[in-house]
């Protein structure tokens, strides 16, 4: 393996920080083992949720040999992990774009191979991140002193990347039996780092968010960026070693692509916005889509939004989709907080075909009341929002990966300081609100969407104009870059 923790884009890491990275790897190896000597087999199976619409096959590691051969000509690996829902959502966008461009998408979730050290290490860190997200919403002191600084400045430092690179060495064995000539798009930095350590020849690292952090660096890959602001911050590694002026990233290591969006959403932007405006003109209920993130945080805020909307829902001036993902307990808690919620609600629980049918019918049919969605399967839990997005009028979400989607958006308070820049970016391009940092401002924005004559039509117009400018073409461009590496 190439040493990637001592020198990052020509910038030396201090001996103290390097030794800290070495100790971090050793700690995980003691706790979860070191399977570097294992020759794990890899096989392909159809993804139960995403094969039919997007042709996605899962790469299963350490489960025996398969009969389906890898397509080394048109195959492309979408490397990902579940850490929240955002990285899965980017991965689905990449798979969708790859499928639309005629390639064969392979889904490789490094957090789904329980026999391996890789999954054990990622799972432990994911559990910590989820816990931190939830605690940050319950404790203002923890959020101010720990969570915001960690997400804003801690993850920003090159020293953090040095430790991640060392830990990623433990993740490389899962690529043992994967053909090295198949391009990899990492939709989280760990799959990109692990792929490089494993000797994968063509690696693209699709960076999320709009706040440059060294956490997301995988030197040796081509890094793609969704915003111009982030591009400049990454080029100069801005603030990634406190106030030091650092050697910049090489120009060929970083490419601006635009937003990572599913083909199905991009191609229907104009039709979906026209339908939104037509519903408003006819006086139909305004449809709000409230999404619960992968950490399951912000429940008090969700309850406040629902309470505010319920009178409008009874008057048929509003309708509400609530996707609680794979967190059934969140819906149960909302029922306890709002005893009358069940009276207005229709549940669509764990029946994927029924959910797909509802989403399809909602594109042209009427919708009233509250519709709650829960799916135990993680793919269904995430993709449900993508399906509902086309027929909703306003997406209500924290400013994470959904920031970049072509639908009018109301931004809830962030979880982690890095997310604030997503709302800033969206509001500048006119397809989303400012971040509502407390409940009163959130409720004010709900009222604006319902009653103001300017904001909602302006957002729809901006979304259509943004599409003309190619703002939502990032997934296509990233796939083209990955496949293009083979032809250089």
Protein backbone atom coordinates (compact mmCIF):
# COMPACT_ATOMS: atom_id res chain seq x y z
CA UNK A 1 0.00 0.00 0.00
CA UNK A 2 1.17 3.50 -0.78
CA UNK A 3 1.72 5.65 2.30
CA UNK A 4 -0.94 8.39 2.12
CA UNK A 5 -0.83 9.78 5.67
CA UNK A 6 2.56 11.51 5.79
CA UNK A 7 2.20 13.85 2.84
CA UNK A 8 -1.13 15.16 1.50
CA UNK A 9 -0.95 16.98 -1.83
CA UNK A 10 2.64 17.90 -1.07
CA UNK A 11 1.86 19.15 2.43
CA UNK A 12 3.75 17.29 5.18
CA UNK A 13 1.87 16.01 8.22
CA UNK A 14 3.63 16.55 11.54
CA UNK A 15 5.22 13.52 13.18
CA UNK A 16 2.85 13.95 16.10
CA UNK A 17 -0.24 13.80 13.88
CA UNK A 18 1.19 10.96 11.83
CA UNK A 19 1.82 8.86 14.93
CA UNK A 20 -1.70 9.65 16.08
CA UNK A 21 -2.97 8.26 12.76
CA UNK A 22 -0.87 5.12 13.19
CA UNK A 23 -2.25 4.61 16.68
CA UNK A 24 -5.79 5.07 15.39
CA UNK A 25 -5.35 2.25 12.89
CA UNK A 26 -3.71 0.04 15.53
CA UNK A 27 -6.59 0.65 17.94
CA UNK A 28 -9.18 -0.43 15.38
CA UNK A 29 -7.09 -3.44 14.38
CA UNK A 30 -6.89 -4.61 18.00
CA UNK A 31 -10.61 -4.15 18.48
CA UNK A 32 -11.94 -5.43 15.14
CA UNK A 33 -9.09 -7.49 13.72
CA UNK A 34 -6.86 -7.05 10.69
CA UNK A 35 -7.96 -9.17 7.74
CA UNK A 36 -5.36 -7.91 5.29
CA UNK A 37 -4.38 -11.48 4.47
CA UNK A 38 -7.91 -12.57 3.55
CA UNK A 39 -8.79 -13.30 -0.08
CA UNK A 40 -12.46 -12.41 0.11
CA UNK A 41 -14.58 -13.55 -2.85
CA UNK A 42 -17.00 -11.12 -4.48
CA UNK A 43 -20.24 -11.85 -6.31
CA UNK A 44 -23.03 -9.91 -8.00
CA UNK A 45 -26.73 -10.08 -7.09
CA UNK A 46 -29.66 -7.99 -8.28
CA UNK A 47 -30.57 -5.20 -5.88
CA UNK A 48 -34.18 -5.93 -4.81
CA UNK A 49 -35.19 -2.25 -4.88
CA UNK A 50 -32.98 -0.61 -7.50
CA UNK A 51 -32.46 -3.31 -10.13
CA UNK A 52 -35.85 -2.82 -11.81
CA UNK A 53 -35.67 0.99 -12.23
CA UNK A 54 -31.92 1.50 -12.48
CA UNK A 55 -30.32 -1.86 -13.31
CA UNK A 56 -28.32 -1.87 -10.06
CA UNK A 57 -26.54 -5.02 -8.92
CA UNK A 58 -24.99 -5.32 -5.47
CA UNK A 59 -21.42 -6.45 -4.96
CA UNK A 60 -21.49 -8.93 -2.09
CA UNK A 61 -18.17 -9.65 -0.39
CA UNK A 62 -17.25 -12.68 1.71
CA UNK A 63 -20.45 -14.54 0.77
CA UNK A 64 -18.99 -17.06 -1.68
CA UNK A 65 -18.52 -17.15 -5.43
CA UNK A 66 -21.18 -15.94 -7.86
CA UNK A 67 -22.17 -16.98 -11.37
CA UNK A 68 -22.80 -13.49 -12.81
CA UNK A 69 -19.56 -12.13 -14.37
CA UNK A 70 -18.42 -8.55 -13.88
CA UNK A 71 -18.81 -6.33 -16.94
CA UNK A 72 -15.31 -4.90 -17.26
CA UNK A 73 -16.25 -2.82 -20.31
CA UNK A 74 -19.39 -0.99 -19.18
CA UNK A 75 -19.41 -1.74 -15.45
CA UNK A 76 -19.00 1.09 -12.95
CA UNK A 77 -18.85 0.70 -9.17
CA UNK A 78 -20.68 3.11 -6.90
CA UNK A 79 -18.79 2.76 -3.63
CA UNK A 80 -20.68 4.00 -0.62
CA UNK A 81 -21.56 3.59 3.02
CA UNK A 82 -24.65 4.29 5.01
CA UNK A 83 -23.84 7.25 7.23
CA UNK A 84 -27.06 9.17 7.39
CA UNK A 85 -29.05 9.00 4.15
CA UNK A 86 -27.08 11.58 2.15
CA UNK A 87 -24.29 9.32 0.90
CA UNK A 88 -26.80 6.69 -0.19
CA UNK A 89 -28.74 9.41 -1.98
CA UNK A 90 -25.65 10.53 -3.91
CA UNK A 91 -24.94 6.90 -4.76
CA UNK A 92 -28.46 6.43 -6.14
CA UNK A 93 -27.99 9.55 -8.28
CA UNK A 94 -24.73 8.13 -9.67
CA UNK A 95 -26.35 4.77 -10.40
CA UNK A 96 -29.26 6.49 -12.10
CA UNK A 97 -26.97 8.59 -14.29
CA UNK A 98 -24.79 5.59 -15.14
CA UNK A 99 -27.85 3.58 -16.16
CA UNK A 100 -29.16 6.46 -18.29
CA UNK A 101 -25.78 6.74 -20.04
CA UNK A 102 -25.77 3.05 -20.92
CA UNK A 103 -23.42 1.74 -18.24
CA UNK A 104 -23.87 -1.09 -15.73
CA UNK A 105 -24.01 0.24 -12.13
CA UNK A 106 -22.61 -1.92 -9.33
CA UNK A 107 -23.50 -0.99 -5.74
CA UNK A 108 -20.73 -1.59 -3.20
CA UNK A 109 -21.64 -0.62 0.36
CA UNK A 110 -18.56 -1.04 2.53
CA UNK A 111 -20.79 -1.02 5.60
CA UNK A 112 -22.64 -4.22 4.57
CA UNK A 113 -20.01 -6.96 4.91
CA UNK A 114 -20.29 -8.00 8.59
CA UNK A 115 -17.58 -10.65 8.33
CA UNK A 116 -14.94 -8.02 7.52
CA UNK A 117 -12.84 -5.61 9.53
CA UNK A 118 -13.94 -2.91 7.07
CA UNK A 119 -17.59 -3.04 8.07
CA UNK A 120 -16.82 -3.31 11.77
CA UNK A 121 -14.66 -0.17 11.65
CA UNK A 122 -17.18 1.79 9.60
CA UNK A 123 -20.09 0.60 11.73
CA UNK A 124 -18.41 1.79 14.92
CA UNK A 125 -17.77 5.24 13.47
CA UNK A 126 -21.26 5.45 12.00
CA UNK A 127 -22.79 4.65 15.38
CA UNK A 128 -20.78 7.44 16.97
CA UNK A 129 -21.81 9.93 14.27
CA UNK A 130 -25.49 9.05 14.61
CA UNK A 131 -25.30 9.35 18.38
CA UNK A 132 -23.59 12.73 18.11
CA UNK A 133 -26.27 13.99 15.69
CA UNK A 134 -29.07 13.02 18.05
CA UNK A 135 -27.38 14.36 21.19
CA UNK A 136 -26.65 17.65 19.42
CA UNK A 137 -30.39 18.20 18.98
CA UNK A 138 -31.09 17.57 22.67
CA UNK A 139 -28.21 19.49 24.22
CA UNK A 140 -27.46 23.04 23.09
CA UNK A 141 -24.24 22.97 25.13
CA UNK A 142 -23.00 19.77 23.43
CA UNK A 143 -23.96 21.19 20.06
CA UNK A 144 -22.14 24.48 20.64
CA UNK A 145 -19.00 23.11 22.32
CA UNK A 146 -18.56 19.76 20.56
CA UNK A 147 -20.72 18.98 17.55
CA UNK A 148 -20.65 22.25 15.59
CA UNK A 149 -16.88 22.75 16.06
CA UNK A 150 -16.15 19.12 15.11
CA UNK A 151 -18.23 19.26 11.93
CA UNK A 152 -17.03 22.73 11.03
CA UNK A 153 -13.33 22.83 11.94
CA UNK A 154 -12.31 19.41 13.29
CA UNK A 155 -13.11 17.54 10.08
CA UNK A 156 -11.54 20.40 8.12
CA UNK A 157 -7.95 19.66 9.16
CA UNK A 158 -5.38 17.66 7.17
CA UNK A 159 -4.49 15.81 10.37
CA UNK A 160 -7.99 14.31 10.37
CA UNK A 161 -7.50 13.12 6.80
CA UNK A 162 -4.20 11.51 7.79
CA UNK A 163 -5.98 9.39 10.40
CA UNK A 164 -8.76 8.48 7.98
CA UNK A 165 -6.23 7.35 5.40
CA UNK A 166 -4.60 5.04 7.93
CA UNK A 167 -7.94 3.62 9.02
CA UNK A 168 -8.91 3.10 5.37
CA UNK A 169 -5.99 0.71 4.96
CA UNK A 170 -8.08 -1.71 7.05
CA UNK A 171 -10.92 -1.38 4.53
CA UNK A 172 -8.95 -2.32 1.41
CA UNK A 173 -9.36 -6.15 1.64
CA UNK A 174 -13.02 -6.01 0.56
CA UNK A 175 -11.83 -5.08 -2.96
CA UNK A 176 -9.64 -8.19 -3.25
CA UNK A 177 -11.74 -10.03 -5.85
CA UNK A 178 -13.20 -6.99 -7.60
CA UNK A 179 -11.69 -6.44 -11.10
CA UNK A 180 -9.23 -3.60 -10.71
CA UNK A 181 -10.01 -2.07 -14.12
CA UNK A 182 -13.63 -1.24 -13.27
CA UNK A 183 -13.96 2.48 -12.40
CA UNK A 184 -15.08 3.37 -8.88
CA UNK A 185 -17.09 6.41 -7.82
CA UNK A 186 -16.83 6.83 -4.07
CA UNK A 187 -19.84 8.69 -2.67
CA UNK A 188 -18.16 8.80 0.71
CA UNK A 189 -14.43 9.33 1.07
CA UNK A 190 -13.77 5.95 2.76
CA UNK A 191 -14.77 3.84 -0.27
CA UNK A 192 -12.58 6.09 -2.43
CA UNK A 193 -9.63 5.79 -0.03
CA UNK A 194 -10.12 2.04 0.39
CA UNK A 195 -10.31 1.55 -3.39
CA UNK A 196 -7.01 3.37 -3.86
CA UNK A 197 -5.30 1.37 -1.11
CA UNK A 198 -6.63 -1.80 -2.78
CA UNK A 199 -5.13 -0.91 -6.16
CA UNK A 200 -8.30 0.01 -8.06
CA UNK A 201 -7.03 1.79 -11.16
CA UNK A 202 -9.70 4.43 -11.81
CA UNK A 203 -11.19 6.19 -8.79
CA UNK A 204 -13.43 9.25 -8.56
CA UNK A 205 -14.23 10.78 -5.19
CA UNK A 206 -17.65 12.51 -5.30
CA UNK A 207 -17.49 15.13 -2.54
CA UNK A 208 -20.74 16.13 -0.77
CA UNK A 209 -21.80 19.40 0.86
CA UNK A 210 -20.58 22.95 0.24
CA UNK A 211 -18.01 23.35 3.01
CA UNK A 212 -14.44 22.28 2.09
CA UNK A 213 -13.02 19.81 4.61
CA UNK A 214 -9.90 17.63 4.51
CA UNK A 215 -12.13 14.81 5.73
CA UNK A 216 -13.26 14.41 2.10
CA UNK A 217 -9.81 14.12 0.47
CA UNK A 218 -8.68 10.92 -1.22
CA UNK A 219 -5.38 11.77 -2.90
CA UNK A 220 -4.87 9.66 -6.00
CA UNK A 221 -8.50 10.03 -7.10
CA UNK A 222 -10.23 12.67 -9.20
CA UNK A 223 -12.32 14.75 -6.82
CA UNK A 224 -15.65 16.10 -8.06
CA UNK A 225 -17.36 19.13 -6.55
CA UNK A 226 -20.96 20.36 -6.70
CA UNK A 227 -20.38 24.11 -6.15
CA UNK A 228 -17.95 26.79 -7.32
CA UNK A 229 -17.39 27.98 -3.76
CA UNK A 230 -16.30 24.51 -2.66
CA UNK A 231 -14.08 24.15 -5.73
CA UNK A 232 -12.03 27.19 -4.78
CA UNK A 233 -11.83 26.13 -1.13
CA UNK A 234 -10.55 22.68 -2.04
CA UNK A 235 -8.09 23.90 -4.67
CA UNK A 236 -6.19 25.94 -2.09
CA UNK A 237 -6.98 23.57 0.82
CA UNK A 238 -8.37 26.61 2.57
CA UNK A 239 -7.99 26.53 6.36
CA UNK A 240 -7.05 22.85 6.38
CA UNK A 241 -3.94 23.42 8.46
CA UNK A 242 -5.27 26.31 10.51
CA UNK A 243 -3.84 29.58 9.08
CA UNK A 244 -1.04 28.00 7.06
CA UNK A 245 -0.85 28.71 3.34
CA UNK A 246 -0.73 25.24 1.81
CA UNK A 247 0.35 23.81 -1.50
CA UNK A 248 -2.79 23.65 -3.64
CA UNK A 249 -4.41 20.56 -5.11
CA UNK A 250 -3.31 19.94 -8.73
CA UNK A 251 -5.83 21.18 -11.29
CA UNK A 252 -6.42 17.68 -12.67
CA UNK A 253 -7.31 16.35 -9.21
CA UNK A 254 -10.44 18.48 -8.86
CA UNK A 255 -13.39 19.03 -11.21
CA UNK A 256 -16.55 21.11 -10.80
CA UNK A 257 -19.54 19.11 -12.05
CA UNK A 258 -22.71 20.66 -10.65
CA UNK A 259 -25.25 18.92 -8.44
CA UNK A 260 -25.46 15.13 -8.17
CA UNK A 261 -29.09 14.50 -9.22
CA UNK A 262 -30.95 11.43 -10.49
CA UNK A 263 -31.63 11.22 -14.22
CA UNK A 264 -35.37 10.75 -13.56
CA UNK A 265 -35.55 14.04 -11.66
CA UNK A 266 -33.40 16.07 -14.04
CA UNK A 267 -35.30 15.06 -17.17
CA UNK A 268 -38.65 15.96 -15.58
CA UNK A 269 -37.75 19.35 -14.08
CA UNK A 270 -39.89 21.45 -16.44
CA UNK A 271 -42.91 19.14 -16.32
CA UNK A 272 -42.82 18.85 -12.53
CA UNK A 273 -42.50 22.61 -12.00
CA UNK A 274 -45.34 23.25 -14.45
CA UNK A 275 -47.51 20.80 -12.50
CA UNK A 276 -46.68 22.60 -9.25
CA UNK A 277 -47.71 25.95 -10.64
CA UNK A 278 -50.89 24.47 -12.15
CA UNK A 279 -51.92 23.00 -8.79
CA UNK A 280 -51.42 26.38 -7.15
CA UNK A 281 -53.44 28.11 -9.84
CA UNK A 282 -56.31 25.65 -9.32
CA UNK A 283 -56.26 26.13 -5.53
CA UNK A 284 -55.33 22.52 -4.81
CA UNK A 285 -53.63 21.67 -1.48
CA UNK A 286 -49.96 22.65 -1.41
CA UNK A 287 -47.98 19.45 -0.95
CA UNK A 288 -45.17 19.46 1.61
CA UNK A 289 -42.66 16.59 1.82
CA UNK A 290 -41.08 16.25 5.27
CA UNK A 291 -38.07 13.93 5.34
CA UNK A 292 -36.46 12.34 8.37
CA UNK A 293 -32.68 12.06 8.03
CA UNK A 294 -30.65 8.93 8.61
CA UNK A 295 -29.68 9.96 12.14
CA UNK A 296 -33.34 10.29 13.17
CA UNK A 297 -32.74 13.66 14.87
CA UNK A 298 -34.87 16.88 14.96
CA UNK A 299 -38.10 15.21 16.11
CA UNK A 300 -39.31 18.23 18.10
CA UNK A 301 -38.94 20.38 15.00
CA UNK A 302 -40.84 17.88 12.84
CA UNK A 303 -43.68 17.87 15.36
CA UNK A 304 -43.85 21.67 15.29
CA UNK A 305 -44.08 21.69 11.49
CA UNK A 306 -46.85 19.09 11.49
CA UNK A 307 -48.85 20.91 14.17
CA UNK A 308 -48.63 24.14 12.18
CA UNK A 309 -49.82 22.47 9.00
CA UNK A 310 -52.69 20.43 10.46
CA UNK A 311 -55.33 23.22 10.35
CA UNK A 312 -54.40 23.91 6.71
CA UNK A 313 -54.59 20.20 5.97
CA UNK A 314 -58.10 20.04 7.45
CA UNK A 315 -59.07 23.04 5.29
CA UNK A 316 -57.56 21.28 2.25
CA UNK A 317 -55.13 24.12 1.71
CA UNK A 318 -52.17 21.84 2.40
CA UNK A 319 -51.25 18.17 2.18
CA UNK A 320 -48.28 16.43 3.76
CA UNK A 321 -45.98 13.54 2.93
CA UNK A 322 -43.89 12.32 5.88
CA UNK A 323 -41.07 9.91 5.10
CA UNK A 324 -39.57 8.55 8.32
CA UNK A 325 -37.13 6.38 6.35
CA UNK A 326 -36.43 3.16 8.23
CA UNK A 327 -37.20 4.75 11.62
CA UNK A 328 -40.64 3.42 12.51
CA UNK A 329 -40.10 4.65 16.07
CA UNK A 330 -40.02 8.24 14.81
CA UNK A 331 -43.57 7.95 13.47
CA UNK A 332 -44.71 6.32 16.73
CA UNK A 333 -43.18 9.18 18.69
CA UNK A 334 -44.89 11.75 16.45
CA UNK A 335 -48.21 10.03 17.16
CA UNK A 336 -47.54 10.34 20.90
CA UNK A 337 -46.60 14.02 20.57
CA UNK A 338 -49.60 14.84 18.33
CA UNK A 339 -52.55 12.63 19.43
CA UNK A 340 -54.78 13.79 16.53
CA UNK A 341 -52.16 13.02 13.88
CA UNK A 342 -53.50 9.55 13.22
CA UNK A 343 -56.97 10.88 12.36
CA UNK A 344 -55.67 12.67 9.27
CA UNK A 345 -53.03 10.12 8.27
CA UNK A 346 -52.86 7.31 5.76
CA UNK A 347 -49.89 5.01 6.35
CA UNK A 348 -47.85 3.45 3.56
CA UNK A 349 -45.71 1.07 5.59
CA UNK A 350 -43.29 -1.50 4.23
CA UNK A 351 -45.17 -2.10 0.97
CA UNK A 352 -42.83 -0.93 -1.76
CA UNK A 353 -45.13 -1.62 -4.67
CA UNK A 354 -47.91 0.36 -2.99
CA UNK A 355 -45.53 3.25 -2.32
CA UNK A 356 -44.39 3.29 -5.95
CA UNK A 357 -48.00 3.25 -7.13
CA UNK A 358 -48.89 6.16 -4.83
CA UNK A 359 -45.93 8.20 -6.08
CA UNK A 360 -46.85 7.52 -9.70
CA UNK A 361 -50.54 8.37 -9.21
CA UNK A 362 -49.69 11.57 -7.35
CA UNK A 363 -48.00 12.97 -10.46
CA UNK A 364 -51.37 13.45 -12.13
CA UNK A 365 -53.99 12.79 -9.43
CA UNK A 366 -55.13 14.73 -6.39
CA UNK A 367 -53.63 14.37 -2.90
CA UNK A 368 -55.23 15.31 0.41
CA UNK A 369 -54.47 14.71 4.07
CA UNK A 370 -51.26 13.28 5.55
CA UNK A 371 -49.44 10.33 4.02
CA UNK A 372 -46.78 8.62 6.14
CA UNK A 373 -44.11 6.36 4.66
CA UNK A 374 -41.87 3.86 6.45
CA UNK A 375 -39.79 1.10 4.89
CA UNK A 376 -37.56 -1.34 6.71
CA UNK A 377 -35.33 -1.80 3.67
CA UNK A 378 -32.72 0.98 3.58
CA UNK A 379 -32.90 1.38 -0.21
CA UNK A 380 -36.67 1.81 -0.10
CA UNK A 381 -36.37 4.16 2.88
CA UNK A 382 -34.05 6.49 0.97
CA UNK A 383 -35.47 6.14 -2.55
CA UNK A 384 -39.00 6.83 -1.29
CA UNK A 385 -38.09 10.51 -0.95
CA UNK A 386 -36.77 10.57 -4.53
CA UNK A 387 -40.06 9.17 -5.82
CA UNK A 388 -42.22 11.54 -3.77
CA UNK A 389 -40.11 14.57 -4.65
CA UNK A 390 -41.51 14.82 -8.17
CA UNK A 391 -45.12 15.27 -7.03
CA UNK A 392 -44.45 17.44 -3.97
CA UNK A 393 -44.53 21.24 -4.06
CA UNK A 394 -42.12 21.98 -1.21
CA UNK A 395 -39.42 19.78 0.29
CA UNK A 396 -38.92 20.43 4.02
CA UNK A 397 -35.43 19.31 5.02
CA UNK A 398 -32.27 20.21 6.84
CA UNK A 399 -29.63 21.64 4.45
CA UNK A 400 -27.74 18.40 3.83
CA UNK A 401 -27.54 16.48 0.54
CA UNK A 402 -31.16 17.26 -0.34
CA UNK A 403 -30.01 20.89 -0.56
CA UNK A 404 -28.97 20.27 -4.14
CA UNK A 405 -32.18 18.74 -5.51
CA UNK A 406 -34.36 20.55 -8.11
CA UNK A 407 -37.47 21.14 -6.01
CA UNK A 408 -38.55 24.19 -3.96
CA UNK A 409 -37.10 23.77 -0.48
CA UNK A 410 -37.74 24.99 3.04
CA UNK A 411 -34.56 24.54 5.07
CA UNK A 412 -34.81 23.50 8.69
CA UNK A 413 -32.02 24.13 11.19
CA UNK A 414 -28.79 22.38 10.31
CA UNK A 415 -27.20 19.45 12.14
CA UNK A 416 -23.48 20.29 12.09
CA UNK A 417 -21.89 23.58 11.05
CA UNK A 418 -20.88 22.32 7.62
CA UNK A 419 -24.53 22.15 6.50
CA UNK A 420 -25.14 25.90 6.77
CA UNK A 421 -23.30 26.45 3.49
CA UNK A 422 -25.72 24.22 1.63
CA UNK A 423 -28.63 26.52 2.44
CA UNK A 424 -26.57 29.56 1.48
CA UNK A 425 -25.78 28.00 -1.90
CA UNK A 426 -29.40 27.01 -2.58
CA UNK A 427 -30.80 30.42 -1.64
CA UNK A 428 -28.28 32.09 -3.94
CA UNK A 429 -29.44 29.94 -6.85
CA UNK A 430 -33.05 30.64 -5.92
CA UNK A 431 -34.31 27.07 -5.45
CA UNK A 432 -34.46 27.06 -1.64
CA UNK A 433 -35.08 29.23 1.41
CA UNK A 434 -32.59 30.55 3.89
CA UNK A 435 -31.86 28.22 6.80
CA UNK A 436 -34.60 28.62 9.43
CA UNK A 437 -32.55 28.46 12.62
CA UNK A 438 -35.46 28.12 15.05
CA UNK A 439 -39.09 27.03 15.14
CA UNK A 440 -40.65 30.54 14.80
CA UNK A 441 -38.70 31.24 11.60
CA UNK A 442 -39.58 27.78 10.27
CA UNK A 443 -43.27 28.45 10.81
CA UNK A 444 -42.92 31.87 9.21
CA UNK A 445 -41.48 30.24 6.11
CA UNK A 446 -44.28 27.70 5.98
CA UNK A 447 -46.75 30.58 5.95
CA UNK A 448 -44.79 32.31 3.19
CA UNK A 449 -44.99 29.26 0.97
CA UNK A 450 -48.71 28.95 1.57
CA UNK A 451 -49.70 32.61 1.27
CA UNK A 452 -47.02 34.66 -0.48
CA UNK A 453 -47.57 35.17 -4.21
CA UNK A 454 -43.90 35.56 -5.18
CA UNK A 455 -41.58 33.10 -3.44
CA UNK A 456 -42.93 29.77 -4.68
CA UNK A 457 -43.33 30.73 -8.37
CA UNK A 458 -39.87 32.33 -8.30
CA UNK A 459 -38.33 29.12 -7.00
CA UNK A 460 -39.98 27.10 -9.76
CA UNK A 461 -38.69 29.57 -12.36
CA UNK A 462 -35.16 29.43 -10.90
CA UNK A 463 -35.17 25.62 -10.96
CA UNK A 464 -36.03 25.62 -14.67
CA UNK A 465 -33.36 28.23 -15.39
CA UNK A 466 -30.79 26.34 -13.31
CA UNK A 467 -31.45 23.25 -15.38
CA UNK A 468 -30.82 25.20 -18.60
CA UNK A 469 -27.46 26.25 -17.15
CA UNK A 470 -26.52 22.62 -16.38
CA UNK A 471 -26.54 23.07 -12.61
CA UNK A 472 -28.15 19.67 -12.01
CA UNK A 473 -25.93 17.64 -14.37
CA UNK A 474 -23.31 16.66 -11.78
CA UNK A 475 -24.10 12.93 -11.69
CA UNK A 476 -23.84 12.59 -15.47
CA UNK A 477 -20.55 14.49 -15.48
CA UNK A 478 -19.09 12.41 -12.65
CA UNK A 479 -19.93 9.16 -14.43
CA UNK A 480 -18.35 10.49 -17.64
CA UNK A 481 -15.20 11.42 -15.75
CA UNK A 482 -14.96 7.95 -14.16
CA UNK A 483 -15.43 6.10 -17.43
CA UNK A 484 -13.16 8.56 -19.22
CA UNK A 485 -10.24 7.65 -16.94
CA UNK A 486 -10.11 4.26 -18.70
CA UNK A 487 -9.63 5.90 -22.09
CA UNK A 488 -6.76 8.20 -21.26
